[in-house]
Amino acid sequence: MPIILDIKVFPNSGKQEFKIDNDQLKCYLKSSPEKGKANQELIKMLSKQLNLGQFNFSILSGMTTRLKKVRVNTDLSLDEVLKRLNGAL
């Protein structure tokens, strides 16, 4: 069953990290938001932390903004996904 994640990204942050802050999932990226580099880094980070292939992720909206909706094809529950991401990397 797919899960939709709302993620606020922070490109050029100098670190790679997921955090949940005030009920908002945040992702800090090293890449710049040019030519899709930050989006690629986000998908790679999600893939690594959730131990899923990159083909299981798609950005539904926010390709050029900080607020992203990401579809995750997984059997994991939303709670389990958030536990794995909070404070990861």
PDB file of N, CA and C in Angstrom:
ATOM      1  N   MET A   1       0.850  -1.187   0.000  1.00  0.00           N
ATOM      2  CA  MET A   1       0.000   0.000   0.000  1.00  0.00           C
ATOM      3  C   MET A   1       0.892   1.245   0.000  1.00  0.00           C
ATOM      4  N   PRO A   2       0.706   2.128  -0.933  1.00  0.00           N
ATOM      5  CA  PRO A   2       1.560   3.333  -0.997  1.00  0.00           C
ATOM      6  C   PRO A   2       1.291   4.298   0.157  1.00  0.00           C
ATOM      7  N   ILE A   3       2.342   5.002   0.521  1.00  0.00           N
ATOM      8  CA  ILE A   3       2.280   6.042   1.550  1.00  0.00           C
ATOM      9  C   ILE A   3       2.688   7.348   0.885  1.00  0.00           C
ATOM     10  N   ILE A   4       2.028   8.439   1.250  1.00  0.00           N
ATOM     11  CA  ILE A   4       2.397   9.762   0.753  1.00  0.00           C
ATOM     12  C   ILE A   4       3.052  10.527   1.901  1.00  0.00           C
ATOM     13  N   LEU A   5       4.288  10.972   1.676  1.00  0.00           N
ATOM     14  CA  LEU A   5       5.018  11.751   2.675  1.00  0.00           C
ATOM     15  C   LEU A   5       5.070  13.214   2.254  1.00  0.00           C
ATOM     16  N   ASP A   6       4.763  14.101   3.179  1.00  0.00           N
ATOM     17  CA  ASP A   6       4.973  15.535   2.978  1.00  0.00           C
ATOM     18  C   ASP A   6       6.317  15.863   3.602  1.00  0.00           C
ATOM     19  N   ILE A   7       7.248  16.338   2.783  1.00  0.00           N
ATOM     20  CA  ILE A   7       8.615  16.585   3.244  1.00  0.00           C
ATOM     21  C   ILE A   7       9.023  18.010   2.901  1.00  0.00           C
ATOM     22  N   LYS A   8       9.560  18.702   3.889  1.00  0.00           N
ATOM     23  CA  LYS A   8      10.147  20.022   3.648  1.00  0.00           C
ATOM     24  C   LYS A   8      11.648  19.817   3.530  1.00  0.00           C
ATOM     25  N   VAL A   9      12.217  20.212   2.388  1.00  0.00           N
ATOM     26  CA  VAL A   9      13.643  19.984   2.160  1.00  0.00           C
ATOM     27  C   VAL A   9      14.437  21.277   2.325  1.00  0.00           C
ATOM     28  N   PHE A  10      15.683  21.096   2.759  1.00  0.00           N
ATOM     29  CA  PHE A  10      16.610  22.209   2.958  1.00  0.00           C
ATOM     30  C   PHE A  10      17.889  21.903   2.184  1.00  0.00           C
ATOM     31  N   PRO A  11      17.945  22.311   0.903  1.00  0.00           N
ATOM     32  CA  PRO A  11      19.153  22.068   0.115  1.00  0.00           C
ATOM     33  C   PRO A  11      20.313  22.931   0.601  1.00  0.00           C
ATOM     34  N   ASN A  12      21.520  22.555   0.200  1.00  0.00           N
ATOM     35  CA  ASN A  12      22.736  23.294   0.567  1.00  0.00           C
ATOM     36  C   ASN A  12      22.923  23.423   2.075  1.00  0.00           C
ATOM     37  N   SER A  13      22.461  22.447   2.845  1.00  0.00           N
ATOM     38  CA  SER A  13      22.554  22.550   4.305  1.00  0.00           C
ATOM     39  C   SER A  13      23.884  22.026   4.843  1.00  0.00           C
ATOM     40  N   GLY A  14      24.663  21.364   4.008  1.00  0.00           N
ATOM     41  CA  GLY A  14      25.957  20.858   4.452  1.00  0.00           C
ATOM     42  C   GLY A  14      25.884  19.558   5.228  1.00  0.00           C
ATOM     43  N   LYS A  15      24.693  18.986   5.347  1.00  0.00           N
ATOM     44  CA  LYS A  15      24.543  17.707   6.047  1.00  0.00           C
ATOM     45  C   LYS A  15      23.409  16.927   5.408  1.00  0.00           C
ATOM     46  N   GLN A  16      23.349  15.649   5.718  1.00  0.00           N
ATOM     47  CA  GLN A  16      22.254  14.794   5.279  1.00  0.00           C
ATOM     48  C   GLN A  16      21.556  14.275   6.527  1.00  0.00           C
ATOM     49  N   GLU A  17      20.295  14.668   6.679  1.00  0.00           N
ATOM     50  CA  GLU A  17      19.584  14.271   7.895  1.00  0.00           C
ATOM     51  C   GLU A  17      18.087  14.404   7.692  1.00  0.00           C
ATOM     52  N   PHE A  18      17.339  13.477   8.298  1.00  0.00           N
ATOM     53  CA  PHE A  18      15.891  13.585   8.402  1.00  0.00           C
ATOM     54  C   PHE A  18      15.570  13.966   9.834  1.00  0.00           C
ATOM     55  N   LYS A  19      14.535  14.788  10.011  1.00  0.00           N
ATOM     56  CA  LYS A  19      14.065  15.182  11.344  1.00  0.00           C
ATOM     57  C   LYS A  19      12.561  15.365  11.303  1.00  0.00           C
ATOM     58  N   ILE A  20      11.926  15.064  12.416  1.00  0.00           N
ATOM     59  CA  ILE A  20      10.521  15.434  12.569  1.00  0.00           C
ATOM     60  C   ILE A  20      10.490  16.551  13.591  1.00  0.00           C
ATOM     61  N   ASP A  21       9.977  17.688  13.170  1.00  0.00           N
ATOM     62  CA  ASP A  21       9.950  18.881  14.010  1.00  0.00           C
ATOM     63  C   ASP A  21       8.572  19.516  13.884  1.00  0.00           C
ATOM     64  N   ASN A  22       7.863  19.644  15.000  1.00  0.00           N
ATOM     65  CA  ASN A  22       6.497  20.185  14.988  1.00  0.00           C
ATOM     66  C   ASN A  22       5.612  19.449  13.984  1.00  0.00           C
ATOM     67  N   ASP A  23       5.662  18.126  14.029  1.00  0.00           N
ATOM     68  CA  ASP A  23       4.872  17.255  13.146  1.00  0.00           C
ATOM     69  C   ASP A  23       5.178  17.439  11.664  1.00  0.00           C
ATOM     70  N   GLN A  24       6.311  18.011  11.332  1.00  0.00           N
ATOM     71  CA  GLN A  24       6.734  18.203   9.940  1.00  0.00           C
ATOM     72  C   GLN A  24       7.993  17.384   9.689  1.00  0.00           C
ATOM     73  N   LEU A  25       7.961  16.522   8.664  1.00  0.00           N
ATOM     74  CA  LEU A  25       9.149  15.772   8.278  1.00  0.00           C
ATOM     75  C   LEU A  25      10.047  16.701   7.475  1.00  0.00           C
ATOM     76  N   LYS A  26      11.283  16.845   7.945  1.00  0.00           N
ATOM     77  CA  LYS A  26      12.248  17.729   7.290  1.00  0.00           C
ATOM     78  C   LYS A  26      13.433  16.905   6.825  1.00  0.00           C
ATOM     79  N   CYS A  27      13.991  17.306   5.688  1.00  0.00           N
ATOM     80  CA  CYS A  27      15.150  16.618   5.139  1.00  0.00           C
ATOM     81  C   CYS A  27      16.207  17.649   4.776  1.00  0.00           C
ATOM     82  N   TYR A  28      17.378  17.486   5.369  1.00  0.00           N
ATOM     83  CA  TYR A  28      18.506  18.380   5.111  1.00  0.00           C
ATOM     84  C   TYR A  28      19.410  17.714   4.081  1.00  0.00           C
ATOM     85  N   LEU A  29      19.706  18.452   3.017  1.00  0.00           N
ATOM     86  CA  LEU A  29      20.452  17.919   1.884  1.00  0.00           C
ATOM     87  C   LEU A  29      21.735  18.699   1.653  1.00  0.00           C
ATOM     88  N   LYS A  30      22.753  18.013   1.162  1.00  0.00           N
ATOM     89  CA  LYS A  30      24.006  18.679   0.806  1.00  0.00           C
ATOM     90  C   LYS A  30      23.928  19.309  -0.583  1.00  0.00           C
ATOM     91  N   SER A  31      23.154  18.721  -1.469  1.00  0.00           N
ATOM     92  CA  SER A  31      23.089  19.161  -2.865  1.00  0.00           C
ATOM     93  C   SER A  31      22.385  20.497  -3.025  1.00  0.00           C
ATOM     94  N   SER A  32      22.708  21.146  -4.129  1.00  0.00           N
ATOM     95  CA  SER A  32      22.031  22.391  -4.484  1.00  0.00           C
ATOM     96  C   SER A  32      20.741  22.045  -5.231  1.00  0.00           C
ATOM     97  N   PRO A  33      19.790  22.974  -5.233  1.00  0.00           N
ATOM     98  CA  PRO A  33      18.513  22.707  -5.902  1.00  0.00           C
ATOM     99  C   PRO A  33      18.578  23.001  -7.403  1.00  0.00           C
ATOM    100  N   GLU A  34      19.667  22.642  -8.039  1.00  0.00           N
ATOM    101  CA  GLU A  34      19.838  22.904  -9.467  1.00  0.00           C
ATOM    102  C   GLU A  34      19.829  21.600 -10.247  1.00  0.00           C
ATOM    103  N   LYS A  35      19.124  21.606 -11.356  1.00  0.00           N
ATOM    104  CA  LYS A  35      19.082  20.461 -12.278  1.00  0.00           C
ATOM    105  C   LYS A  35      18.639  19.173 -11.592  1.00  0.00           C
ATOM    106  N   GLY A  36      17.776  19.289 -10.594  1.00  0.00           N
ATOM    107  CA  GLY A  36      17.224  18.115  -9.926  1.00  0.00           C
ATOM    108  C   GLY A  36      18.162  17.396  -8.972  1.00  0.00           C
ATOM    109  N   LYS A  37      19.315  17.991  -8.680  1.00  0.00           N
ATOM    110  CA  LYS A  37      20.292  17.328  -7.806  1.00  0.00           C
ATOM    111  C   LYS A  37      19.731  17.072  -6.414  1.00  0.00           C
ATOM    112  N   ALA A  38      19.043  18.054  -5.843  1.00  0.00           N
ATOM    113  CA  ALA A  38      18.481  17.889  -4.498  1.00  0.00           C
ATOM    114  C   ALA A  38      17.389  16.817  -4.502  1.00  0.00           C
ATOM    115  N   ASN A  39      16.570  16.783  -5.541  1.00  0.00           N
ATOM    116  CA  ASN A  39      15.529  15.756  -5.636  1.00  0.00           C
ATOM    117  C   ASN A  39      16.147  14.365  -5.724  1.00  0.00           C
ATOM    118  N   GLN A  40      17.216  14.223  -6.488  1.00  0.00           N
ATOM    119  CA  GLN A  40      17.900  12.931  -6.598  1.00  0.00           C
ATOM    120  C   GLN A  40      18.486  12.510  -5.257  1.00  0.00           C
ATOM    121  N   GLU A  41      19.085  13.459  -4.551  1.00  0.00           N
ATOM    122  CA  GLU A  41      19.659  13.150  -3.241  1.00  0.00           C
ATOM    123  C   GLU A  41      18.566  12.722  -2.262  1.00  0.00           C
ATOM    124  N   LEU A  42      17.428  13.402  -2.293  1.00  0.00           N
ATOM    125  CA  LEU A  42      16.301  13.051  -1.425  1.00  0.00           C
ATOM    126  C   LEU A  42      15.869  11.605  -1.663  1.00  0.00           C
ATOM    127  N   ILE A  43      15.694  11.221  -2.917  1.00  0.00           N
ATOM    128  CA  ILE A  43      15.263   9.856  -3.239  1.00  0.00           C
ATOM    129  C   ILE A  43      16.314   8.838  -2.790  1.00  0.00           C
ATOM    130  N   LYS A  44      17.588   9.143  -2.989  1.00  0.00           N
ATOM    131  CA  LYS A  44      18.656   8.233  -2.551  1.00  0.00           C
ATOM    132  C   LYS A  44      18.650   8.063  -1.037  1.00  0.00           C
ATOM    133  N   MET A  45      18.445   9.163  -0.311  1.00  0.00           N
ATOM    134  CA  MET A  45      18.412   9.092   1.150  1.00  0.00           C
ATOM    135  C   MET A  45      17.221   8.271   1.634  1.00  0.00           C
ATOM    136  N   LEU A  46      16.052   8.504   1.046  1.00  0.00           N
ATOM    137  CA  LEU A  46      14.866   7.735   1.422  1.00  0.00           C
ATOM    138  C   LEU A  46      15.085   6.250   1.144  1.00  0.00           C
ATOM    139  N   SER A  47      15.635   5.957  -0.017  1.00  0.00           N
ATOM    140  CA  SER A  47      15.896   4.575  -0.408  1.00  0.00           C
ATOM    141  C   SER A  47      16.819   3.880   0.590  1.00  0.00           C
ATOM    142  N   LYS A  48      17.877   4.566   0.981  1.00  0.00           N
ATOM    143  CA  LYS A  48      18.850   3.991   1.919  1.00  0.00           C
ATOM    144  C   LYS A  48      18.220   3.748   3.290  1.00  0.00           C
ATOM    145  N   GLN A  49      17.521   4.735   3.813  1.00  0.00           N
ATOM    146  CA  GLN A  49      16.970   4.622   5.171  1.00  0.00           C
ATOM    147  C   GLN A  49      15.831   3.623   5.277  1.00  0.00           C
ATOM    148  N   LEU A  50      15.054   3.489   4.211  1.00  0.00           N
ATOM    149  CA  LEU A  50      13.911   2.579   4.258  1.00  0.00           C
ATOM    150  C   LEU A  50      14.240   1.221   3.649  1.00  0.00           C
ATOM    151  N   ASN A  51      15.479   1.087   3.150  1.00  0.00           N
ATOM    152  CA  ASN A  51      15.933  -0.168   2.554  1.00  0.00           C
ATOM    153  C   ASN A  51      15.010  -0.620   1.424  1.00  0.00           C
ATOM    154  N   LEU A  52      14.675   0.331   0.557  1.00  0.00           N
ATOM    155  CA  LEU A  52      13.832   0.072  -0.609  1.00  0.00           C
ATOM    156  C   LEU A  52      14.554   0.584  -1.847  1.00  0.00           C
ATOM    157  N   GLY A  53      14.315  -0.040  -2.979  1.00  0.00           N
ATOM    158  CA  GLY A  53      14.906   0.435  -4.225  1.00  0.00           C
ATOM    159  C   GLY A  53      14.374   1.814  -4.596  1.00  0.00           C
ATOM    160  N   GLN A  54      15.188   2.574  -5.304  1.00  0.00           N
ATOM    161  CA  GLN A  54      14.800   3.936  -5.675  1.00  0.00           C
ATOM    162  C   GLN A  54      13.543   3.962  -6.545  1.00  0.00           C
ATOM    163  N   PHE A  55      13.266   2.878  -7.252  1.00  0.00           N
ATOM    164  CA  PHE A  55      12.074   2.817  -8.101  1.00  0.00           C
ATOM    165  C   PHE A  55      10.781   2.835  -7.284  1.00  0.00           C
ATOM    166  N   ASN A  56      10.866   2.651  -5.964  1.00  0.00           N
ATOM    167  CA  ASN A  56       9.686   2.676  -5.089  1.00  0.00           C
ATOM    168  C   ASN A  56       9.277   4.086  -4.677  1.00  0.00           C
ATOM    169  N   PHE A  57      10.000   5.091  -5.142  1.00  0.00           N
ATOM    170  CA  PHE A  57       9.738   6.476  -4.746  1.00  0.00           C
ATOM    171  C   PHE A  57       9.443   7.332  -5.967  1.00  0.00           C
ATOM    172  N   SER A  58       8.478   8.233  -5.814  1.00  0.00           N
ATOM    173  CA  SER A  58       8.239   9.218  -6.870  1.00  0.00           C
ATOM    174  C   SER A  58       7.778  10.519  -6.228  1.00  0.00           C
ATOM    175  N   ILE A  59       8.283  11.613  -6.763  1.00  0.00           N
ATOM    176  CA  ILE A  59       7.884  12.934  -6.279  1.00  0.00           C
ATOM    177  C   ILE A  59       6.613  13.321  -7.022  1.00  0.00           C
ATOM    178  N   LEU A  60       5.521  13.440  -6.281  1.00  0.00           N
ATOM    179  CA  LEU A  60       4.228  13.753  -6.881  1.00  0.00           C
ATOM    180  C   LEU A  60       4.060  15.241  -7.124  1.00  0.00           C
ATOM    181  N   SER A  61       4.580  16.042  -6.200  1.00  0.00           N
ATOM    182  CA  SER A  61       4.506  17.496  -6.374  1.00  0.00           C
ATOM    183  C   SER A  61       5.678  18.132  -5.646  1.00  0.00           C
ATOM    184  N   GLY A  62       6.023  19.335  -6.074  1.00  0.00           N
ATOM    185  CA  GLY A  62       7.111  20.061  -5.444  1.00  0.00           C
ATOM    186  C   GLY A  62       8.452  19.863  -6.115  1.00  0.00           C
ATOM    187  N   MET A  63       8.453  19.526  -7.389  1.00  0.00           N
ATOM    188  CA  MET A  63       9.722  19.296  -8.094  1.00  0.00           C
ATOM    189  C   MET A  63      10.644  20.512  -8.021  1.00  0.00           C
ATOM    190  N   THR A  64      10.076  21.708  -7.951  1.00  0.00           N
ATOM    191  CA  THR A  64      10.901  22.924  -7.935  1.00  0.00           C
ATOM    192  C   THR A  64      10.684  23.763  -6.677  1.00  0.00           C
ATOM    193  N   THR A  65      10.090  23.164  -5.645  1.00  0.00           N
ATOM    194  CA  THR A  65       9.878  23.889  -4.393  1.00  0.00           C
ATOM    195  C   THR A  65      10.421  23.069  -3.231  1.00  0.00           C
ATOM    196  N   ARG A  66      10.463  23.678  -2.061  1.00  0.00           N
ATOM    197  CA  ARG A  66      10.956  22.979  -0.867  1.00  0.00           C
ATOM    198  C   ARG A  66       9.944  21.997  -0.294  1.00  0.00           C
ATOM    199  N   LEU A  67       8.670  22.225  -0.542  1.00  0.00           N
ATOM    200  CA  LEU A  67       7.628  21.339  -0.018  1.00  0.00           C
ATOM    201  C   LEU A  67       7.319  20.263  -1.048  1.00  0.00           C
ATOM    202  N   LYS A  68       7.580  19.026  -0.682  1.00  0.00           N
ATOM    203  CA  LYS A  68       7.440  17.903  -1.608  1.00  0.00           C
ATOM    204  C   LYS A  68       6.405  16.912  -1.099  1.00  0.00           C
ATOM    205  N   LYS A  69       5.705  16.302  -2.029  1.00  0.00           N
ATOM    206  CA  LYS A  69       4.862  15.149  -1.743  1.00  0.00           C
ATOM    207  C   LYS A  69       5.529  13.973  -2.439  1.00  0.00           C
ATOM    208  N   VAL A  70       5.925  12.981  -1.636  1.00  0.00           N
ATOM    209  CA  VAL A  70       6.643  11.826  -2.169  1.00  0.00           C
ATOM    210  C   VAL A  70       5.817  10.569  -1.927  1.00  0.00           C
ATOM    211  N   ARG A  71       5.602   9.831  -2.997  1.00  0.00           N
ATOM    212  CA  ARG A  71       4.893   8.553  -2.904  1.00  0.00           C
ATOM    213  C   ARG A  71       5.920   7.458  -2.642  1.00  0.00           C
ATOM    214  N   VAL A  72       5.624   6.615  -1.642  1.00  0.00           N
ATOM    215  CA  VAL A  72       6.497   5.498  -1.285  1.00  0.00           C
ATOM    216  C   VAL A  72       5.694   4.209  -1.434  1.00  0.00           C
ATOM    217  N   ASN A  73       6.143   3.331  -2.303  1.00  0.00           N
ATOM    218  CA  ASN A  73       5.502   2.025  -2.461  1.00  0.00           C
ATOM    219  C   ASN A  73       6.149   1.061  -1.473  1.00  0.00           C
ATOM    220  N   THR A  74       5.416   0.758  -0.400  1.00  0.00           N
ATOM    221  CA  THR A  74       5.956  -0.090   0.662  1.00  0.00           C
ATOM    222  C   THR A  74       4.830  -0.763   1.427  1.00  0.00           C
ATOM    223  N   ASP A  75       5.175  -1.840   2.094  1.00  0.00           N
ATOM    224  CA  ASP A  75       4.239  -2.513   2.995  1.00  0.00           C
ATOM    225  C   ASP A  75       4.386  -2.005   4.423  1.00  0.00           C
ATOM    226  N   LEU A  76       5.374  -1.136   4.658  1.00  0.00           N
ATOM    227  CA  LEU A  76       5.576  -0.566   5.988  1.00  0.00           C
ATOM    228  C   LEU A  76       4.434   0.388   6.333  1.00  0.00           C
ATOM    229  N   SER A  77       4.135   0.503   7.625  1.00  0.00           N
ATOM    230  CA  SER A  77       3.130   1.470   8.068  1.00  0.00           C
ATOM    231  C   SER A  77       3.745   2.867   8.070  1.00  0.00           C
ATOM    232  N   LEU A  78       2.912   3.871   8.073  1.00  0.00           N
ATOM    233  CA  LEU A  78       3.397   5.252   8.126  1.00  0.00           C
ATOM    234  C   LEU A  78       4.218   5.467   9.392  1.00  0.00           C
ATOM    235  N   ASP A  79       3.759   4.927  10.522  1.00  0.00           N
ATOM    236  CA  ASP A  79       4.502   5.070  11.782  1.00  0.00           C
ATOM    237  C   ASP A  79       5.896   4.461  11.684  1.00  0.00           C
ATOM    238  N   GLU A  80       6.007   3.284  11.066  1.00  0.00           N
ATOM    239  CA  GLU A  80       7.307   2.627  10.922  1.00  0.00           C
ATOM    240  C   GLU A  80       8.226   3.433  10.007  1.00  0.00           C
ATOM    241  N   VAL A  81       7.681   3.968   8.930  1.00  0.00           N
ATOM    242  CA  VAL A  81       8.475   4.805   8.016  1.00  0.00           C
ATOM    243  C   VAL A  81       9.011   6.019   8.760  1.00  0.00           C
ATOM    244  N   LEU A  82       8.155   6.693   9.513  1.00  0.00           N
ATOM    245  CA  LEU A  82       8.584   7.897  10.236  1.00  0.00           C
ATOM    246  C   LEU A  82       9.610   7.568  11.314  1.00  0.00           C
ATOM    247  N   LYS A  83       9.452   6.432  11.989  1.00  0.00           N
ATOM    248  CA  LYS A  83      10.443   6.011  12.994  1.00  0.00           C
ATOM    249  C   LYS A  83      11.808   5.799  12.352  1.00  0.00           C
ATOM    250  N   ARG A  84      11.828   5.177  11.186  1.00  0.00           N
ATOM    251  CA  ARG A  84      13.097   4.905  10.498  1.00  0.00           C
ATOM    252  C   ARG A  84      13.758   6.185   9.993  1.00  0.00           C
ATOM    253  N   LEU A  85      12.944   7.181   9.681  1.00  0.00           N
ATOM    254  CA  LEU A  85      13.495   8.422   9.132  1.00  0.00           C
ATOM    255  C   LEU A  85      13.892   9.432  10.200  1.00  0.00           C
ATOM    256  N   ASN A  86      13.195   9.474  11.318  1.00  0.00           N
ATOM    257  CA  ASN A  86      13.446  10.508  12.325  1.00  0.00           C
ATOM    258  C   ASN A  86      14.860  10.397  12.890  1.00  0.00           C
ATOM    259  N   GLY A  87      15.655  11.410  12.640  1.00  0.00           N
ATOM    260  CA  GLY A  87      17.025  11.448  13.140  1.00  0.00           C
ATOM    261  C   GLY A  87      17.991  10.582  12.359  1.00  0.00           C
ATOM    262  N   ALA A  88      17.557  10.058  11.220  1.00  0.00           N
ATOM    263  CA  ALA A  88      18.401   9.147  10.447  1.00  0.00           C
ATOM    264  C   ALA A  88      19.497   9.878   9.702  1.00  0.00           C
ATOM    265  N   LEU A  89      20.599   9.172   9.504  1.00  0.00           N
ATOM    266  CA  LEU A  89      21.796   9.589   8.759  1.00  0.00           C
ATOM    267  C   LEU A  89      22.620  10.492   9.589  1.00  0.00           C
TER     268      LEU A  89
END
